[in-house]
Amino acid sequence: MPELSRRQMLAGAGAVAGLASLPSCAAGKKERVTITGVDLFRVVVPMKEDSTTDPETAESARFDQVPKTILRIKTDSGIVGIGESGRGEDYARIERNAEFLKGKGIFDFNLTKLDLPERAGYAAFEMALYDVVGKAVGWPVYQLLGGLAQPKVLVGYWTGRRTPAGMKRVAERALAGGFTSIKTKAKQGDPLVECAEVLAKIAPGIKYIVDPNTRFKSYADFLPVAKALDRIGNVMVFEDPFDKNDFEGYRKLRKEVKAGVALHLGDPKAMIRAIREEACSIFNTGGDPRMSGFVANCYLAGAAGIPVWHGSGNDCGIVDASYVHSCAASANCTIPSDILSFLREDDLIVEPIRIENSYAIVSDKPGLGVDLDEDAVRRYQMKG
């Protein structure tokens, strides 16, 4: 592939993500950069010991045992892009998408809306294509998403449902790692207040993010717990404690507590309704798996003066790299995001996402800025 001029590089990246409309003189039209194949690897990477829940919580789902698909897009120029699917996505449909890409030119895609035959693995293909395009034009992915809004991204520690004894262990690990917040899962009846007291005692500087995943029956059921937690004073955010459609309940909760009140929404229409109803003061808008979709949602929330964070599925390193770039391109992504590949036994990338003093450092390398650890992929690859 001929060396790209600075003018070609600027033309290639200047369209942000709508690269399908580049003129014929721009990078990618003459050279094409054609996809020659897509390698797929099904992997299961367990979480580290004691990183999820206490046995006493009796959580039955082992989400870390659900397969993921790692993909590697190869091109005739030698440029390679990597991606990582969500948990349990239909492998046969991912294979159809991989077959569909063969022979396509990477600059012929509109990366904000990939025209794939199947929805399965969409985010994995998106991040791999952004990776290839970024490397082809010499720009990090955040530049393709609109530009660098922040050079480091605030992240938090994470855990599942905990007893006070379990929270003590989690708090000690978060404190040792330099984190400034812990997000925990919960359900009605869990010892949330006792856990918050343990956290306040062991790590008074660490804030608590409480996410019951709508498992409280109603606003009335959650309010006494919320007020008790609010009195302890270390809660940063209450996320989705009860039915997300109960906007009246969320408005009332906002008036009753000092902590922030968040809704986890990825659909822009749902976000607009929540904004109009004044139902929340914060969004977790990681529900949209697309990088471009996340950034668009951040613009939407930012227009209403609402900060956001990026949720996750407790993913491996490729997905986390895509999250870091998305957050880096979003100025109002200021609540601790879930960049959590350090909780897996292996992140499947050569160099881990760098986290210092509770901030993920944004890579300025072209593309996603991470490389696939092929030995680790083989180690965790499913047989057969």
Protein backbone atom coordinates (compact mmCIF):
# COMPACT_ATOMS: atom_id res chain seq x y z
CA MET A 1 0.00 0.00 0.00
CA PRO A 2 1.46 3.42 -0.93
CA GLU A 3 2.35 5.72 1.95
CA LEU A 4 -0.52 8.09 2.77
CA SER A 5 0.11 11.82 2.54
CA ARG A 6 -0.93 14.16 5.35
CA ARG A 7 -3.65 15.56 3.07
CA GLN A 8 -5.00 12.08 2.43
CA MET A 9 -4.96 11.30 6.14
CA LEU A 10 -6.88 14.46 6.96
CA ALA A 11 -9.40 13.71 4.25
CA GLY A 12 -9.83 10.20 5.51
CA ALA A 13 -10.47 11.19 9.11
CA GLY A 14 -12.17 14.50 8.47
CA ALA A 15 -15.53 12.91 7.79
CA VAL A 16 -15.50 11.62 11.40
CA ALA A 17 -17.35 8.37 10.78
CA GLY A 18 -19.15 8.86 7.47
CA LEU A 19 -16.25 7.64 5.40
CA ALA A 20 -18.45 6.25 2.65
CA SER A 21 -18.71 9.70 1.05
CA LEU A 22 -14.99 10.39 0.55
CA PRO A 23 -13.92 11.72 -2.86
CA SER A 24 -12.07 9.43 -5.23
CA CYS A 25 -8.75 11.15 -4.54
CA ALA A 26 -8.92 10.40 -0.79
CA ALA A 27 -7.18 7.59 1.02
CA GLY A 28 -8.99 4.34 0.55
CA LYS A 29 -10.53 4.96 -2.87
CA LYS A 30 -7.39 4.39 -4.90
CA GLU A 31 -5.75 1.95 -2.52
CA ARG A 32 -9.09 0.36 -1.52
CA VAL A 33 -7.76 -1.49 1.57
CA THR A 34 -9.86 -4.56 0.86
CA ILE A 35 -10.97 -7.07 3.47
CA THR A 36 -9.52 -10.46 2.61
CA GLY A 37 -10.93 -12.45 5.53
CA VAL A 38 -12.20 -12.48 9.09
CA ASP A 39 -10.87 -14.87 11.73
CA LEU A 40 -13.27 -15.85 14.51
CA PHE A 41 -12.42 -17.30 17.93
CA ARG A 42 -14.99 -18.38 20.53
CA VAL A 43 -13.58 -17.88 24.02
CA VAL A 44 -14.62 -18.24 27.64
CA VAL A 45 -12.57 -16.12 30.05
CA PRO A 46 -13.58 -16.52 33.72
CA MET A 47 -13.68 -13.67 36.17
CA LYS A 48 -11.00 -13.57 38.86
CA GLU A 49 -11.79 -15.33 42.12
CA ASP A 50 -14.12 -13.36 44.44
CA SER A 51 -14.64 -10.64 41.84
CA THR A 52 -18.40 -11.02 41.41
CA THR A 53 -20.63 -12.01 44.35
CA ASP A 54 -20.55 -13.71 47.73
CA PRO A 55 -21.78 -17.33 47.87
CA GLU A 56 -24.40 -16.23 50.40
CA THR A 57 -26.20 -14.17 47.74
CA ALA A 58 -27.04 -17.38 45.86
CA GLU A 59 -26.72 -15.81 42.43
CA SER A 60 -27.13 -18.66 39.97
CA ALA A 61 -26.00 -16.99 36.72
CA ARG A 62 -22.31 -17.37 35.87
CA PHE A 63 -22.16 -14.73 33.18
CA ASP A 64 -18.42 -15.23 32.78
CA GLN A 65 -19.04 -18.76 31.49
CA VAL A 66 -21.05 -17.48 28.51
CA PRO A 67 -18.93 -17.51 25.32
CA LYS A 68 -17.70 -14.40 23.57
CA THR A 69 -16.43 -14.15 20.00
CA ILE A 70 -13.13 -12.45 19.21
CA LEU A 71 -12.73 -11.41 15.59
CA ARG A 72 -9.81 -10.28 13.49
CA ILE A 73 -10.39 -8.49 10.18
CA LYS A 74 -7.54 -8.93 7.69
CA THR A 75 -6.88 -6.70 4.69
CA ASP A 76 -4.77 -6.84 1.55
CA SER A 77 -2.67 -3.95 2.90
CA GLY A 78 -1.59 -5.96 5.94
CA ILE A 79 -3.64 -3.78 8.30
CA VAL A 80 -5.54 -5.85 10.88
CA GLY A 81 -8.48 -4.78 13.03
CA ILE A 82 -9.80 -6.59 16.11
CA GLY A 83 -13.17 -6.77 17.81
CA GLU A 84 -14.95 -8.53 20.66
CA SER A 85 -18.61 -9.52 20.85
CA GLY A 86 -20.99 -9.38 23.75
CA ARG A 87 -21.80 -12.53 25.71
CA GLY A 88 -23.70 -15.31 24.03
CA GLU A 89 -24.29 -13.72 20.64
CA ASP A 90 -25.35 -16.13 17.90
CA TYR A 91 -22.12 -17.52 16.45
CA ALA A 92 -23.68 -18.70 13.17
CA ARG A 93 -24.98 -15.21 12.49
CA ILE A 94 -21.61 -13.70 13.36
CA GLU A 95 -20.12 -16.09 10.78
CA ARG A 96 -22.54 -14.77 8.15
CA ASN A 97 -21.45 -11.21 8.87
CA ALA A 98 -17.80 -12.26 8.60
CA GLU A 99 -18.44 -13.88 5.21
CA PHE A 100 -20.33 -10.79 4.03
CA LEU A 101 -17.32 -8.54 4.69
CA LYS A 102 -14.91 -10.43 2.43
CA GLY A 103 -13.95 -8.39 -0.61
CA LYS A 104 -15.37 -5.14 0.77
CA GLY A 105 -13.26 -1.97 0.89
CA ILE A 106 -12.97 -0.55 4.39
CA PHE A 107 -13.61 3.01 3.21
CA ASP A 108 -16.89 2.00 1.59
CA PHE A 109 -18.63 1.72 4.99
CA ASN A 110 -20.51 4.35 6.90
CA LEU A 111 -19.24 3.39 10.33
CA THR A 112 -22.15 5.07 12.12
CA LYS A 113 -24.55 2.59 10.54
CA LEU A 114 -22.99 -0.63 9.31
CA ASP A 115 -24.99 -2.39 6.64
CA LEU A 116 -24.52 -5.94 7.96
CA PRO A 117 -26.88 -8.80 7.10
CA GLU A 118 -27.16 -9.82 10.78
CA ARG A 119 -27.32 -7.87 14.03
CA ALA A 120 -25.25 -10.47 15.92
CA GLY A 121 -21.77 -9.22 16.74
CA TYR A 122 -22.53 -5.74 15.42
CA ALA A 123 -20.41 -3.95 18.02
CA ALA A 124 -17.48 -6.33 17.46
CA PHE A 125 -17.46 -5.63 13.72
CA GLU A 126 -17.85 -1.92 14.35
CA MET A 127 -14.84 -1.74 16.66
CA ALA A 128 -12.73 -3.87 14.29
CA LEU A 129 -13.57 -1.64 11.33
CA TYR A 130 -12.85 1.51 13.33
CA ASP A 131 -9.55 -0.13 14.29
CA VAL A 132 -8.64 -0.77 10.64
CA VAL A 133 -9.72 2.68 9.45
CA GLY A 134 -7.84 4.39 12.29
CA LYS A 135 -4.68 2.50 11.43
CA ALA A 136 -5.12 3.23 7.71
CA VAL A 137 -5.31 7.00 8.22
CA GLY A 138 -2.96 7.09 11.21
CA TRP A 139 -5.50 8.35 13.75
CA PRO A 140 -6.70 6.95 17.08
CA VAL A 141 -10.36 5.93 17.09
CA TYR A 142 -11.42 8.81 19.33
CA GLN A 143 -10.46 11.16 16.48
CA LEU A 144 -12.80 9.29 14.14
CA LEU A 145 -15.55 9.66 16.75
CA GLY A 146 -15.28 13.45 16.76
CA GLY A 147 -12.03 14.27 18.50
CA LEU A 148 -10.43 14.10 21.93
CA ALA A 149 -12.61 15.65 24.63
CA GLN A 150 -10.64 14.26 27.58
CA PRO A 151 -7.21 12.53 27.68
CA LYS A 152 -8.17 10.25 30.56
CA VAL A 153 -11.45 8.61 31.52
CA LEU A 154 -12.72 8.28 35.08
CA VAL A 155 -13.39 4.62 35.94
CA GLY A 156 -14.60 2.80 39.02
CA TYR A 157 -14.27 -0.55 40.73
CA TRP A 158 -17.14 -3.03 40.39
CA THR A 159 -18.67 -5.90 42.27
CA GLY A 160 -21.86 -7.92 42.35
CA ARG A 161 -24.15 -8.42 45.33
CA ARG A 162 -22.23 -8.50 48.61
CA THR A 163 -22.49 -9.22 52.29
CA PRO A 164 -20.68 -6.84 54.67
CA ALA A 165 -17.76 -9.30 54.89
CA GLY A 166 -17.56 -9.43 51.11
CA MET A 167 -17.75 -5.66 50.85
CA LYS A 168 -14.80 -5.40 53.22
CA ARG A 169 -12.65 -7.44 50.81
CA VAL A 170 -13.85 -5.43 47.83
CA ALA A 171 -13.20 -2.11 49.58
CA GLU A 172 -9.68 -3.17 50.48
CA ARG A 173 -8.92 -4.13 46.86
CA ALA A 174 -10.43 -0.92 45.47
CA LEU A 175 -8.46 1.15 47.97
CA ALA A 176 -5.21 -0.64 47.11
CA GLY A 177 -5.88 -0.05 43.40
CA GLY A 178 -6.37 3.68 43.86
CA PHE A 179 -10.03 3.68 42.81
CA THR A 180 -12.39 6.44 43.92
CA SER A 181 -15.70 4.59 43.57
CA ILE A 182 -17.26 1.13 43.78
CA LYS A 183 -20.36 0.09 41.88
CA THR A 184 -22.34 -2.75 43.42
CA LYS A 185 -25.35 -4.81 42.35
CA ALA A 186 -28.21 -5.36 44.78
CA LYS A 187 -31.74 -6.59 45.23
CA GLN A 188 -34.48 -5.84 47.72
CA GLY A 189 -33.52 -7.30 51.12
CA ASP A 190 -29.75 -7.12 50.59
CA PRO A 191 -27.68 -5.51 53.40
CA LEU A 192 -26.92 -2.37 51.40
CA VAL A 193 -26.82 -0.06 54.41
CA GLU A 194 -24.43 -2.33 56.30
CA CYS A 195 -22.21 -2.59 53.21
CA ALA A 196 -22.15 1.20 52.86
CA GLU A 197 -21.12 1.48 56.52
CA VAL A 198 -18.28 -0.99 55.95
CA LEU A 199 -17.11 0.99 52.94
CA ALA A 200 -17.27 4.28 54.87
CA LYS A 201 -15.15 2.80 57.64
CA ILE A 202 -12.49 1.11 55.50
CA ALA A 203 -12.28 3.61 52.65
CA PRO A 204 -14.00 6.90 53.54
CA GLY A 205 -12.77 8.51 50.33
CA ILE A 206 -14.43 5.92 48.06
CA LYS A 207 -17.94 6.65 46.79
CA TYR A 208 -20.68 4.05 46.45
CA ILE A 209 -22.73 3.49 43.26
CA VAL A 210 -25.76 1.28 43.95
CA ASP A 211 -27.39 -0.57 41.03
CA PRO A 212 -30.34 -2.83 41.95
CA ASN A 213 -31.25 -3.44 38.26
CA THR A 214 -34.90 -2.49 38.98
CA ARG A 215 -35.19 -5.29 41.57
CA PHE A 216 -36.99 -3.17 44.15
CA LYS A 217 -40.76 -3.43 43.73
CA SER A 218 -41.48 0.28 43.84
CA TYR A 219 -40.37 3.75 44.82
CA ALA A 220 -42.03 3.25 48.21
CA ASP A 221 -40.03 0.08 48.83
CA PHE A 222 -36.72 1.69 47.90
CA LEU A 223 -37.15 5.07 49.62
CA PRO A 224 -36.34 3.92 53.21
CA VAL A 225 -33.16 2.21 51.99
CA ALA A 226 -32.20 5.25 49.91
CA LYS A 227 -32.66 7.61 52.84
CA ALA A 228 -30.63 5.37 55.16
CA LEU A 229 -27.82 5.22 52.61
CA ASP A 230 -28.03 8.95 52.03
CA ARG A 231 -27.49 9.57 55.73
CA ILE A 232 -24.21 7.63 55.64
CA GLY A 233 -23.08 10.14 53.03
CA ASN A 234 -20.89 8.05 50.72
CA VAL A 235 -23.39 7.24 47.95
CA MET A 236 -22.64 8.90 44.61
CA VAL A 237 -25.47 7.44 42.50
CA PHE A 238 -28.60 5.31 42.75
CA GLU A 239 -29.06 3.54 39.39
CA ASP A 240 -32.29 1.84 38.27
CA PRO A 241 -33.62 0.90 41.73
CA PHE A 242 -37.17 0.22 40.45
CA ASP A 243 -39.19 0.18 37.23
CA LYS A 244 -37.54 2.55 34.74
CA ASN A 245 -40.94 3.68 33.42
CA ASP A 246 -42.00 5.02 36.82
CA PHE A 247 -40.89 8.56 36.05
CA GLU A 248 -43.03 9.96 38.85
CA GLY A 249 -41.23 7.71 41.34
CA TYR A 250 -37.85 8.83 40.03
CA ARG A 251 -38.83 12.50 40.25
CA LYS A 252 -39.84 11.96 43.88
CA LEU A 253 -36.61 10.11 44.65
CA ARG A 254 -34.54 12.98 43.25
CA LYS A 255 -36.26 15.35 45.67
CA GLU A 256 -35.72 13.05 48.67
CA VAL A 257 -31.98 12.23 48.37
CA LYS A 258 -28.73 14.11 47.95
CA ALA A 259 -27.14 11.39 45.80
CA GLY A 260 -27.50 11.39 42.04
CA VAL A 261 -30.30 9.37 40.45
CA ALA A 262 -29.43 7.55 37.22
CA LEU A 263 -31.29 5.65 34.55
CA HIS A 264 -29.55 3.09 32.34
CA LEU A 265 -30.91 3.90 28.89
CA GLY A 266 -29.45 3.41 25.43
CA ASP A 267 -32.45 4.29 23.28
CA PRO A 268 -32.35 8.03 22.42
CA LYS A 269 -36.16 8.23 22.43
CA ALA A 270 -36.26 6.81 25.96
CA MET A 271 -33.57 9.27 27.02
CA ILE A 272 -35.58 12.19 25.61
CA ARG A 273 -38.66 11.06 27.55
CA ALA A 274 -36.62 10.79 30.76
CA ILE A 275 -35.17 14.27 30.21
CA ARG A 276 -38.60 15.79 29.62
CA GLU A 277 -39.95 14.10 32.73
CA GLU A 278 -36.93 15.21 34.82
CA ALA A 279 -36.64 11.60 35.94
CA CYS A 280 -32.88 11.47 36.41
CA SER A 281 -29.81 13.61 36.94
CA ILE A 282 -27.36 11.12 35.35
CA PHE A 283 -27.44 8.59 32.51
CA ASN A 284 -25.68 5.28 32.19
CA THR A 285 -25.96 5.21 28.43
CA GLY A 286 -23.86 2.15 27.67
CA GLY A 287 -26.94 0.27 26.52
CA ASP A 288 -26.20 1.09 22.89
CA PRO A 289 -23.34 -1.26 21.92
CA ARG A 290 -22.12 1.04 19.15
CA MET A 291 -19.29 3.46 19.77
CA SER A 292 -20.91 6.00 17.46
CA GLY A 293 -24.25 5.46 19.21
CA PHE A 294 -22.72 6.07 22.63
CA VAL A 295 -21.13 9.33 21.51
CA ALA A 296 -24.42 10.46 19.96
CA ASN A 297 -26.24 9.68 23.23
CA CYS A 298 -23.63 11.70 25.12
CA TYR A 299 -24.30 14.70 22.88
CA LEU A 300 -28.01 14.28 23.59
CA ALA A 301 -27.51 14.11 27.36
CA GLY A 302 -24.97 16.93 27.24
CA ALA A 303 -27.48 19.24 25.54
CA ALA A 304 -29.66 18.77 28.63
CA GLY A 305 -26.72 19.36 30.99
CA ILE A 306 -26.71 15.73 32.16
CA PRO A 307 -23.44 13.82 32.81
CA VAL A 308 -23.07 10.18 31.78
CA TRP A 309 -21.02 7.08 32.26
CA HIS A 310 -20.40 4.02 30.11
CA GLY A 311 -21.78 0.75 31.44
CA SER A 312 -20.38 -2.61 30.43
CA GLY A 313 -20.89 -6.35 30.42
CA ASN A 314 -17.70 -7.01 32.38
CA ASP A 315 -15.86 -7.43 29.12
CA CYS A 316 -12.32 -8.19 27.98
CA GLY A 317 -9.74 -5.72 26.78
CA ILE A 318 -10.81 -5.07 23.18
CA VAL A 319 -14.28 -3.93 24.21
CA ASP A 320 -12.78 -1.88 27.03
CA ALA A 321 -10.49 -0.14 24.55
CA SER A 322 -13.52 0.78 22.46
CA TYR A 323 -15.24 2.14 25.57
CA VAL A 324 -12.21 4.25 26.47
CA HIS A 325 -12.16 5.84 23.01
CA SER A 326 -15.92 6.48 23.12
CA CYS A 327 -15.66 8.11 26.54
CA ALA A 328 -12.61 10.10 25.50
CA ALA A 329 -14.66 11.64 22.67
CA SER A 330 -17.49 12.61 25.06
CA ALA A 331 -16.89 15.66 27.23
CA ASN A 332 -19.77 14.94 29.64
CA CYS A 333 -18.68 11.35 30.36
CA THR A 334 -17.54 12.35 33.85
CA ILE A 335 -19.20 9.72 36.08
CA PRO A 336 -16.99 6.63 36.72
CA SER A 337 -17.33 4.27 33.76
CA ASP A 338 -17.21 0.47 33.85
CA ILE A 339 -13.82 -0.33 32.29
CA LEU A 340 -13.46 -3.69 34.01
CA SER A 341 -11.29 -6.07 32.00
CA PHE A 342 -8.85 -6.12 34.94
CA LEU A 343 -11.43 -8.29 36.73
CA ARG A 344 -11.13 -11.10 34.16
CA GLU A 345 -8.47 -13.80 34.46
CA ASP A 346 -7.05 -12.40 31.23
CA ASP A 347 -7.98 -9.36 29.13
CA LEU A 348 -6.83 -11.01 25.85
CA ILE A 349 -4.72 -8.00 24.84
CA VAL A 350 -0.93 -7.70 24.97
CA GLU A 351 -0.82 -4.58 27.14
CA PRO A 352 -3.69 -4.00 29.57
CA ILE A 353 -5.73 -0.80 29.65
CA ARG A 354 -3.64 1.55 31.76
CA ILE A 355 -5.49 2.76 34.87
CA GLU A 356 -3.85 5.30 37.17
CA ASN A 357 -5.56 6.90 40.19
CA SER A 358 -8.98 5.73 38.96
CA TYR A 359 -8.47 7.06 35.41
CA ALA A 360 -8.02 5.03 32.24
CA ILE A 361 -5.29 6.65 30.14
CA VAL A 362 -6.39 7.11 26.54
CA SER A 363 -4.05 5.63 23.93
CA ASP A 364 -2.96 7.95 21.12
CA LYS A 365 -1.84 5.08 18.88
CA PRO A 366 -3.67 4.64 15.56
CA GLY A 367 -6.85 2.58 15.79
CA LEU A 368 -7.94 1.15 19.13
CA GLY A 369 -4.35 1.16 20.37
CA VAL A 370 -4.39 -2.44 21.62
CA ASP A 371 -3.05 -5.70 20.17
CA LEU A 372 -4.55 -9.16 20.39
CA ASP A 373 -2.73 -11.57 22.68
CA GLU A 374 -2.93 -14.64 20.46
CA ASP A 375 -1.46 -16.96 23.09
CA ALA A 376 -4.17 -15.93 25.55
CA VAL A 377 -6.88 -16.36 22.92
CA ARG A 378 -5.68 -19.91 22.25
CA ARG A 379 -5.61 -20.61 25.99
CA TYR A 380 -9.24 -19.59 26.48
CA GLN A 381 -10.58 -20.72 23.11
CA MET A 382 -13.46 -23.20 23.21
CA LYS A 383 -12.72 -26.62 21.84
CA GLY A 384 -14.71 -27.98 18.95
